[in-house]
Amino acid sequence: MLATRSELLEKIRLGEDSYLELKEVKFAGGKVRGPSQDALADELAAFANSVGGVLLLGVEDTSREVLGIPIEHLDAVELVVRQACEQSIKPPLAPIIERMTLPDFAGTEQPVFRLEVERSLFVHQSPGGYLHRVGSSKRPIPPDQLARLFQQRSQSRLIRFDETPVTRATLADLDEALWRRFAPMNSSDAPEILLNKLAMAACDDKSDWHPTVAGLLMSSRTARQHLPGAFIQAVAYQGTDALPEGDSAYQQDAQDISGPLDQQILEACAFVRKNMRVAAYKHAQGGREDVPQFDMLAVFEAVTNAVAHRDYSMAGAKVRLRLFDDRLELYSPGMLPNTMTPESLPYRQAARNEALTSLLARCPIIDDMLVNHRSHIMDKRGEGVAIILARSEQLSGKRPEYRLKDDSELVLTIYAASTEKRG
């Protein structure tokens, strides 16, 4: 949508409409004075509640002059945009945020921000309420129309989110070597038909082919370009204290783990294995015993569940792995599906992402320490939680705990086995 310079310049010349909003960015004392975080949230949510659109920051709306944004302030402007999307819009949005240059009236290239918002599967609330785009302005959605919109978009989500097309991505974003591993041998189907049968591609409203969420997660090395939260943020700390987001004090290791989900799972296990302590004990009768802080089969099951069953519709939310001296914490975005509770996890099974779990069940395990556990990443028998609880408690003497945080994140705490000298 308005992706090229020529398209943007022509639209700027014609002025704002249902698909384009122009905003000058003002500063005071080096800080962004306008537009405010709430104003940005209202504009972006209105696009999402309508048919999508582009917000250009750095262009004055009346004169349609490209004023630009000073390069030294670009980071500050992007921070305000991200805060508007994550803090001032419910549910949060994840627009495409692009830095580019456009010529001013004198022909000098000026830095601007291009924010592209797609038509959402959800109805978004911003500080101004429930807004939609009417021509070149935003308006409150009338109550009867709002009720219909909630109903329509709720029905559209009956298609599982992992099977929905990502319309700003193309089939070229999929690595053929990665998706072919799921395809039958000697298939005569065209690639898009084969991908569709695997739930890795689907048509949009215009009958154009695009990767699905599942397709990007399993067969793209750059899924984060389109799904910003599609990674595991792993941090190993010295000590036992939780630290604020972004605080690097006492970090002994940190890694953003991206790529296809099966690779993420194995890399996250390798991260834990690398950073946990292993105690070696000599027995009086001879022989040696190695006791790790964490049971790696339990860690493997926990990470697999976190990435396979998380809610990928939560824009920008990622799986977080936190390793402390006395515990491992794993944060998985989303509420529990189908009326499940933390207490019922060992007894019930529900899959939020059936396409993803089906694909993960076809991924062989290529880890020498885990391959004896089973041959593929998932077996879909629903035994993962029981393995996590039993093996971890057997090792540490303390049962792992599940809890819901703010009704939006499932947190698993696995307690570490003691590595102090045994008597």
Protein backbone atom coordinates (compact mmCIF):
# COMPACT_ATOMS: atom_id res chain seq x y z
CA MET A 1 0.00 0.00 0.00
CA LEU A 2 1.64 3.24 -1.20
CA ALA A 3 4.93 1.39 -1.10
CA THR A 4 6.90 3.32 -3.75
CA ARG A 5 8.18 6.89 -3.72
CA SER A 6 6.21 7.77 -6.84
CA GLU A 7 2.96 6.50 -5.32
CA LEU A 8 3.57 8.40 -2.11
CA LEU A 9 4.51 11.65 -3.85
CA GLU A 10 1.40 11.49 -6.03
CA LYS A 11 -0.83 10.85 -3.02
CA ILE A 12 0.80 13.67 -1.08
CA ARG A 13 0.13 16.00 -4.01
CA LEU A 14 -3.54 15.03 -3.98
CA GLY A 15 -3.86 15.23 -0.18
CA GLU A 16 -5.28 13.09 2.61
CA ASP A 17 -8.03 10.55 2.03
CA SER A 18 -9.26 7.25 3.50
CA TYR A 19 -5.85 5.68 2.97
CA LEU A 20 -3.42 8.52 3.78
CA GLU A 21 -2.79 10.72 6.82
CA LEU A 22 -0.05 13.39 6.93
CA LYS A 23 1.49 14.68 10.16
CA GLU A 24 4.13 17.30 10.84
CA VAL A 25 6.48 16.38 13.68
CA LYS A 26 7.32 19.18 16.11
CA PHE A 27 10.02 19.33 18.77
CA ALA A 28 10.68 21.31 21.93
CA GLY A 29 13.99 21.05 23.76
CA GLY A 30 14.96 17.99 21.74
CA LYS A 31 11.76 16.13 22.71
CA VAL A 32 8.80 15.26 20.50
CA ARG A 33 6.09 17.85 21.13
CA GLY A 34 3.64 16.68 18.50
CA PRO A 35 1.88 14.59 17.48
CA SER A 36 1.28 13.14 20.93
CA GLN A 37 1.32 9.43 21.71
CA ASP A 38 -2.46 9.46 22.10
CA ALA A 39 -2.97 11.31 18.80
CA LEU A 40 -0.82 8.78 16.96
CA ALA A 41 -2.71 5.92 18.60
CA ASP A 42 -6.05 7.33 17.46
CA GLU A 43 -4.89 7.67 13.83
CA LEU A 44 -3.35 4.21 13.65
CA ALA A 45 -6.29 2.48 15.35
CA ALA A 46 -8.73 4.23 13.00
CA PHE A 47 -6.87 2.80 10.00
CA ALA A 48 -6.84 -0.69 11.55
CA ASN A 49 -10.58 -0.52 12.26
CA SER A 50 -11.22 0.46 8.63
CA VAL A 51 -9.40 -0.89 5.57
CA GLY A 52 -5.86 0.05 6.56
CA GLY A 53 -3.75 2.96 5.44
CA VAL A 54 -0.48 4.87 5.62
CA LEU A 55 0.50 7.58 8.10
CA LEU A 56 3.39 9.78 6.95
CA LEU A 57 5.29 11.58 9.70
CA GLY A 58 7.28 14.61 8.55
CA VAL A 59 4.76 16.02 6.04
CA GLU A 60 2.51 19.01 6.78
CA ASP A 61 -1.12 18.18 5.99
CA THR A 62 -2.38 21.60 4.79
CA SER A 63 0.47 22.72 2.55
CA ARG A 64 1.45 19.08 1.78
CA GLU A 65 5.06 20.14 2.16
CA VAL A 66 7.68 17.55 3.10
CA LEU A 67 9.29 19.12 6.18
CA GLY A 68 11.21 16.05 7.28
CA ILE A 69 12.49 14.98 10.68
CA PRO A 70 16.02 15.76 11.92
CA ILE A 71 18.13 12.61 11.72
CA GLU A 72 19.22 12.96 15.34
CA HIS A 73 15.55 12.78 16.43
CA LEU A 74 14.48 9.74 14.38
CA ASP A 75 14.98 7.30 17.27
CA ALA A 76 12.91 9.48 19.61
CA VAL A 77 10.05 9.65 17.10
CA GLU A 78 10.11 5.89 16.57
CA LEU A 79 9.96 5.36 20.33
CA VAL A 80 6.80 7.49 20.56
CA VAL A 81 5.26 5.47 17.70
CA ARG A 82 6.05 2.14 19.34
CA GLN A 83 4.72 3.31 22.69
CA ALA A 84 1.53 4.47 21.01
CA CYS A 85 1.06 1.06 19.37
CA GLU A 86 1.90 -1.00 22.45
CA GLN A 87 0.60 1.14 25.32
CA SER A 88 -2.26 3.26 23.94
CA ILE A 89 -4.04 0.78 21.63
CA LYS A 90 -5.98 -2.28 22.82
CA PRO A 91 -5.24 -4.85 21.52
CA PRO A 92 -1.81 -3.54 20.46
CA LEU A 93 -0.87 -2.92 16.84
CA ALA A 94 2.31 -3.73 14.94
CA PRO A 95 2.45 -1.45 11.88
CA ILE A 96 5.28 -1.47 9.38
CA ILE A 97 7.61 1.34 10.47
CA GLU A 98 9.83 2.46 7.62
CA ARG A 99 12.45 5.21 7.53
CA MET A 100 12.80 6.79 4.11
CA THR A 101 13.46 10.13 2.42
CA LEU A 102 11.20 12.28 0.25
CA PRO A 103 12.04 15.53 -1.59
CA ASP A 104 10.86 18.86 -0.20
CA PHE A 105 9.73 21.76 -2.42
CA ALA A 106 13.38 22.62 -3.12
CA GLY A 107 14.18 19.04 -4.13
CA THR A 108 16.24 18.28 -1.00
CA GLU A 109 15.73 14.79 0.41
CA GLN A 110 14.24 14.88 3.91
CA PRO A 111 13.92 11.95 6.36
CA VAL A 112 10.34 10.86 7.08
CA PHE A 113 8.54 7.92 8.67
CA ARG A 114 6.10 5.78 6.70
CA LEU A 115 3.75 3.83 8.98
CA GLU A 116 1.63 1.21 7.21
CA VAL A 117 -1.36 -0.31 9.01
CA GLU A 118 -3.32 -3.27 7.66
CA ARG A 119 -7.03 -3.90 8.08
CA SER A 120 -7.10 -5.75 11.39
CA LEU A 121 -8.80 -8.96 12.43
CA PHE A 122 -9.64 -7.18 15.69
CA VAL A 123 -11.50 -4.01 16.70
CA HIS A 124 -9.04 -1.65 18.37
CA GLN A 125 -9.70 0.87 21.12
CA SER A 126 -7.51 3.96 21.43
CA PRO A 127 -7.64 6.99 23.78
CA GLY A 128 -10.35 8.54 21.57
CA GLY A 129 -12.52 5.43 21.82
CA TYR A 130 -13.43 3.14 18.93
CA LEU A 131 -12.58 5.15 15.81
CA HIS A 132 -12.65 4.51 12.08
CA ARG A 133 -11.52 6.36 8.99
CA VAL A 134 -14.11 8.42 7.09
CA GLY A 135 -12.47 10.10 4.14
CA SER A 136 -9.57 12.21 5.39
CA SER A 137 -10.65 12.22 9.03
CA LYS A 138 -11.29 9.81 11.89
CA ARG A 139 -14.71 9.51 13.50
CA PRO A 140 -16.24 7.53 16.38
CA ILE A 141 -17.82 4.33 15.14
CA PRO A 142 -21.62 4.54 15.65
CA PRO A 143 -22.90 2.00 18.19
CA ASP A 144 -24.85 -0.12 15.70
CA GLN A 145 -21.92 -0.19 13.27
CA LEU A 146 -19.52 -1.00 16.12
CA ALA A 147 -21.65 -4.00 17.12
CA ARG A 148 -21.62 -5.28 13.53
CA LEU A 149 -17.88 -4.72 13.27
CA PHE A 150 -17.22 -6.76 16.42
CA GLN A 151 -19.41 -9.54 15.04
CA GLN A 152 -17.80 -9.53 11.58
CA ARG A 153 -14.24 -9.56 12.84
CA SER A 154 -15.00 -12.16 15.46
CA GLN A 155 -16.36 -14.40 12.72
CA SER A 156 -13.30 -13.80 10.54
CA ARG A 157 -11.13 -15.06 13.39
CA LEU A 158 -12.91 -18.41 13.27
CA ILE A 159 -10.14 -19.20 10.83
CA ARG A 160 -7.26 -19.93 13.18
CA PHE A 161 -4.80 -17.09 13.36
CA ASP A 162 -1.83 -19.23 12.35
CA GLU A 163 -3.66 -20.01 9.08
CA THR A 164 -4.40 -16.38 8.15
CA PRO A 165 -2.45 -14.79 5.26
CA VAL A 166 0.12 -12.10 6.06
CA THR A 167 -0.77 -9.74 3.24
CA ARG A 168 2.35 -7.58 3.40
CA ALA A 169 4.51 -10.68 2.77
CA THR A 170 4.92 -12.60 -0.49
CA LEU A 171 5.64 -16.24 -1.25
CA ALA A 172 9.20 -15.14 -2.04
CA ASP A 173 9.64 -14.59 1.72
CA LEU A 174 9.46 -18.36 2.20
CA ASP A 175 12.65 -20.40 1.89
CA GLU A 176 11.87 -23.25 -0.51
CA ALA A 177 14.39 -25.55 1.16
CA LEU A 178 12.54 -25.05 4.45
CA TRP A 179 8.98 -25.56 3.22
CA ARG A 180 9.82 -28.43 0.88
CA ARG A 181 10.76 -30.55 3.90
CA PHE A 182 7.05 -30.75 4.75
CA ALA A 183 5.88 -31.59 1.21
CA PRO A 184 5.18 -35.09 -0.13
CA MET A 185 7.78 -36.57 -2.45
CA ASN A 186 7.18 -36.13 -6.20
CA SER A 187 4.15 -33.88 -5.75
CA SER A 188 2.88 -32.44 -9.06
CA ASP A 189 1.05 -29.51 -7.44
CA ALA A 190 2.09 -25.94 -8.15
CA PRO A 191 4.04 -24.43 -5.22
CA GLU A 192 1.19 -22.17 -4.08
CA ILE A 193 -1.29 -25.08 -4.13
CA LEU A 194 1.10 -27.28 -2.20
CA LEU A 195 1.75 -24.53 0.35
CA ASN A 196 -1.98 -24.02 0.71
CA LYS A 197 -2.50 -27.72 1.46
CA LEU A 198 0.15 -27.39 4.17
CA ALA A 199 -1.66 -24.30 5.59
CA MET A 200 1.49 -22.29 4.81
CA ALA A 201 -0.09 -20.04 2.15
CA ALA A 202 -3.54 -18.61 1.52
CA CYS A 203 -5.31 -16.13 -0.74
CA ASP A 204 -6.35 -12.68 0.42
CA ASP A 205 -9.59 -10.87 -0.50
CA LYS A 206 -8.12 -10.05 -3.92
CA SER A 207 -7.19 -13.69 -4.64
CA ASP A 208 -3.48 -12.91 -4.30
CA TRP A 209 -1.28 -15.57 -2.65
CA HIS A 210 0.54 -14.74 0.59
CA PRO A 211 2.32 -16.78 3.28
CA THR A 212 0.26 -17.59 6.34
CA VAL A 213 1.47 -16.91 9.85
CA ALA A 214 2.40 -20.59 10.13
CA GLY A 215 4.22 -20.47 6.80
CA LEU A 216 6.41 -17.57 7.90
CA LEU A 217 7.08 -19.08 11.32
CA MET A 218 8.21 -22.42 9.91
CA SER A 219 9.76 -21.54 6.55
CA SER A 220 11.19 -18.04 6.71
CA ARG A 221 14.52 -16.97 8.15
CA THR A 222 13.26 -13.38 8.41
CA ALA A 223 9.76 -13.82 9.85
CA ARG A 224 10.38 -10.95 12.30
CA GLN A 225 10.11 -8.47 9.42
CA HIS A 226 6.41 -9.27 9.28
CA LEU A 227 5.78 -10.79 12.74
CA PRO A 228 7.89 -8.65 15.12
CA GLY A 229 7.38 -10.94 18.12
CA ALA A 230 8.38 -14.16 16.38
CA PHE A 231 11.49 -14.84 18.45
CA ILE A 232 12.68 -16.01 21.86
CA GLN A 233 14.41 -13.43 24.02
CA ALA A 234 16.79 -15.41 26.24
CA VAL A 235 18.73 -13.86 29.13
CA ALA A 236 20.92 -15.53 31.77
CA TYR A 237 21.42 -13.51 34.97
CA GLN A 238 23.91 -13.71 37.78
CA GLY A 239 21.98 -14.02 41.01
CA THR A 240 18.29 -14.46 41.72
CA ASP A 241 16.80 -10.99 41.20
CA ALA A 242 14.52 -10.09 38.31
CA LEU A 243 15.57 -6.92 36.53
CA PRO A 244 13.59 -4.32 34.55
CA GLU A 245 13.23 -4.87 30.80
CA GLY A 246 16.39 -3.72 29.04
CA ASP A 247 18.53 -3.60 32.21
CA SER A 248 21.81 -5.32 31.37
CA ALA A 249 23.26 -5.28 34.89
CA TYR A 250 24.28 -8.74 36.09
CA GLN A 251 23.54 -10.31 32.70
CA GLN A 252 26.02 -13.06 31.94
CA ASP A 253 24.55 -13.95 28.56
CA ALA A 254 21.75 -12.76 26.27
CA GLN A 255 20.49 -13.87 22.87
CA ASP A 256 17.55 -13.07 20.61
CA ILE A 257 16.76 -16.43 19.03
CA SER A 258 14.99 -16.17 15.67
CA GLY A 259 14.52 -18.26 12.52
CA PRO A 260 12.15 -21.20 11.95
CA LEU A 261 10.41 -22.31 15.14
CA ASP A 262 12.00 -25.77 15.28
CA GLN A 263 15.44 -24.14 15.19
CA GLN A 264 14.38 -21.63 17.86
CA ILE A 265 13.41 -24.47 20.19
CA LEU A 266 16.73 -26.27 19.83
CA GLU A 267 18.75 -23.04 20.12
CA ALA A 268 16.88 -22.08 23.30
CA CYS A 269 17.72 -25.49 24.79
CA ALA A 270 21.36 -24.97 23.82
CA PHE A 271 21.27 -21.55 25.54
CA VAL A 272 20.05 -23.12 28.79
CA ARG A 273 22.56 -25.97 28.54
CA LYS A 274 25.39 -23.49 28.01
CA ASN A 275 24.49 -21.24 30.93
CA MET A 276 23.29 -23.63 33.64
CA ARG A 277 25.68 -25.11 36.17
CA VAL A 278 26.44 -28.82 36.40
CA ALA A 279 27.77 -30.23 39.66
CA ALA A 280 30.07 -33.26 39.67
CA TYR A 281 30.01 -35.56 42.70
CA LYS A 282 32.34 -38.42 43.56
CA HIS A 283 30.75 -41.29 45.45
CA ALA A 284 32.55 -42.96 48.34
CA GLN A 285 32.24 -46.33 46.63
CA GLY A 286 33.69 -44.86 43.46
CA GLY A 287 32.21 -43.36 40.35
CA ARG A 288 31.07 -39.87 39.47
CA GLU A 289 27.63 -38.31 39.20
CA ASP A 290 26.86 -35.17 37.20
CA VAL A 291 23.82 -33.21 38.43
CA PRO A 292 22.61 -30.34 36.21
CA GLN A 293 20.49 -27.49 37.50
CA PHE A 294 17.71 -28.33 35.04
CA ASP A 295 16.44 -31.46 33.35
CA MET A 296 16.95 -30.79 29.64
CA LEU A 297 14.00 -32.92 28.55
CA ALA A 298 11.75 -30.81 30.76
CA VAL A 299 13.30 -27.61 29.34
CA PHE A 300 12.79 -28.92 25.81
CA GLU A 301 9.11 -29.65 26.48
CA ALA A 302 8.62 -26.27 28.14
CA VAL A 303 10.16 -24.27 25.28
CA THR A 304 8.28 -26.33 22.69
CA ASN A 305 4.96 -25.64 24.41
CA ALA A 306 5.79 -21.95 24.77
CA VAL A 307 6.41 -21.36 21.06
CA ALA A 308 3.81 -23.81 19.73
CA HIS A 309 0.85 -22.69 21.86
CA ARG A 310 1.49 -18.97 22.33
CA ASP A 311 -0.85 -16.34 20.89
CA TYR A 312 0.82 -14.94 17.76
CA SER A 313 -1.96 -12.40 17.25
CA MET A 314 -0.48 -10.33 20.11
CA ALA A 315 1.56 -7.90 18.06
CA GLY A 316 5.15 -7.52 19.20
CA ALA A 317 4.86 -9.91 22.16
CA LYS A 318 7.68 -12.46 22.30
CA VAL A 319 8.51 -15.58 24.25
CA ARG A 320 10.89 -14.65 27.07
CA LEU A 321 13.30 -17.08 28.73
CA ARG A 322 14.94 -15.92 31.97
CA LEU A 323 17.65 -18.00 33.63
CA PHE A 324 18.58 -17.26 37.26
CA ASP A 325 20.81 -19.02 39.78
CA ASP A 326 17.81 -20.69 41.42
CA ARG A 327 15.18 -20.97 38.65
CA LEU A 328 14.22 -20.77 35.01
CA GLU A 329 11.28 -18.58 34.00
CA LEU A 330 9.50 -18.94 30.66
CA TYR A 331 6.93 -16.36 29.54
CA SER A 332 4.52 -17.30 26.74
CA PRO A 333 2.17 -14.61 25.33
CA GLY A 334 -1.56 -15.21 25.49
CA MET A 335 -4.28 -16.50 27.76
CA LEU A 336 -4.94 -20.21 28.03
CA PRO A 337 -7.41 -21.39 25.35
CA ASN A 338 -10.74 -23.15 25.75
CA THR A 339 -11.46 -22.35 29.43
CA MET A 340 -8.24 -24.03 30.58
CA THR A 341 -6.56 -22.89 33.80
CA PRO A 342 -2.98 -23.29 35.08
CA GLU A 343 -4.28 -26.01 37.41
CA SER A 344 -5.85 -28.00 34.55
CA LEU A 345 -2.75 -28.02 32.32
CA PRO A 346 -1.53 -31.48 33.41
CA TYR A 347 -4.96 -32.98 32.70
CA ARG A 348 -6.25 -31.31 29.54
CA GLN A 349 -4.98 -30.62 26.05
CA ALA A 350 -5.90 -27.78 23.68
CA ALA A 351 -4.04 -26.49 20.64
CA ARG A 352 -4.33 -22.82 19.74
CA ASN A 353 -2.23 -23.22 16.60
CA GLU A 354 -3.16 -26.48 14.90
CA ALA A 355 -1.27 -25.75 11.67
CA LEU A 356 1.89 -25.00 13.64
CA THR A 357 1.67 -28.05 15.86
CA SER A 358 1.06 -30.24 12.81
CA LEU A 359 4.18 -28.87 11.12
CA LEU A 360 6.29 -29.18 14.27
CA ALA A 361 5.22 -32.81 14.53
CA ARG A 362 7.00 -33.35 11.19
CA CYS A 363 10.28 -31.73 12.29
CA PRO A 364 12.95 -34.26 13.31
CA ILE A 365 15.04 -33.58 16.39
CA ILE A 366 18.71 -33.05 15.52
CA ASP A 367 20.07 -32.83 19.04
CA ASP A 368 22.06 -35.80 20.32
CA MET A 369 20.89 -35.26 23.93
CA LEU A 370 17.20 -35.04 22.99
CA VAL A 371 16.81 -37.47 20.11
CA ASN A 372 16.46 -40.43 22.49
CA HIS A 373 13.44 -38.69 24.02
CA ARG A 374 11.50 -38.81 20.76
CA SER A 375 12.16 -38.48 17.05
CA HIS A 376 10.23 -35.27 16.29
CA ILE A 377 9.69 -31.90 17.97
CA MET A 378 6.06 -32.60 18.89
CA ASP A 379 4.17 -35.84 19.31
CA LYS A 380 0.71 -34.29 20.02
CA ARG A 381 0.00 -36.83 22.76
CA GLY A 382 -0.35 -34.11 25.36
CA GLU A 383 2.33 -35.49 27.68
CA GLY A 384 4.57 -32.41 27.70
CA VAL A 385 3.29 -30.76 30.89
CA ALA A 386 3.40 -34.04 32.82
CA ILE A 387 7.04 -34.53 31.75
CA ILE A 388 7.94 -30.97 32.77
CA LEU A 389 6.39 -31.37 36.23
CA ALA A 390 7.61 -34.89 37.01
CA ARG A 391 11.21 -34.70 35.78
CA SER A 392 11.84 -31.22 37.21
CA GLU A 393 10.45 -32.14 40.61
CA GLN A 394 12.46 -35.35 40.64
CA LEU A 395 15.68 -33.39 39.99
CA SER A 396 15.17 -30.33 42.23
CA GLY A 397 12.70 -31.64 44.80
CA LYS A 398 10.38 -28.70 44.02
CA ARG A 399 7.40 -28.82 41.69
CA PRO A 400 7.36 -26.28 38.79
CA GLU A 401 4.64 -23.66 38.88
CA TYR A 402 2.37 -22.24 36.18
CA ARG A 403 0.60 -18.91 36.62
CA LEU A 404 -1.20 -16.34 34.48
CA LYS A 405 0.21 -12.82 34.45
CA ASP A 406 -2.24 -9.97 33.76
CA ASP A 407 -4.50 -12.42 31.90
CA SER A 408 -2.17 -12.05 28.91
CA GLU A 409 0.88 -14.22 29.57
CA LEU A 410 1.47 -17.75 30.85
CA VAL A 411 4.51 -17.97 33.13
CA LEU A 412 6.27 -21.24 33.94
CA THR A 413 8.84 -21.35 36.74
CA ILE A 414 11.15 -24.38 36.90
CA TYR A 415 13.24 -24.48 40.06
CA ALA A 416 16.93 -25.34 39.84
CA ALA A 417 18.52 -28.33 41.50
CA SER A 418 21.10 -27.48 44.13
CA THR A 419 24.70 -27.59 42.95
CA GLU A 420 26.17 -27.26 46.44
CA LYS A 421 28.44 -30.00 47.72
CA ARG A 422 26.56 -32.98 49.05
CA GLY A 423 27.33 -34.50 52.37
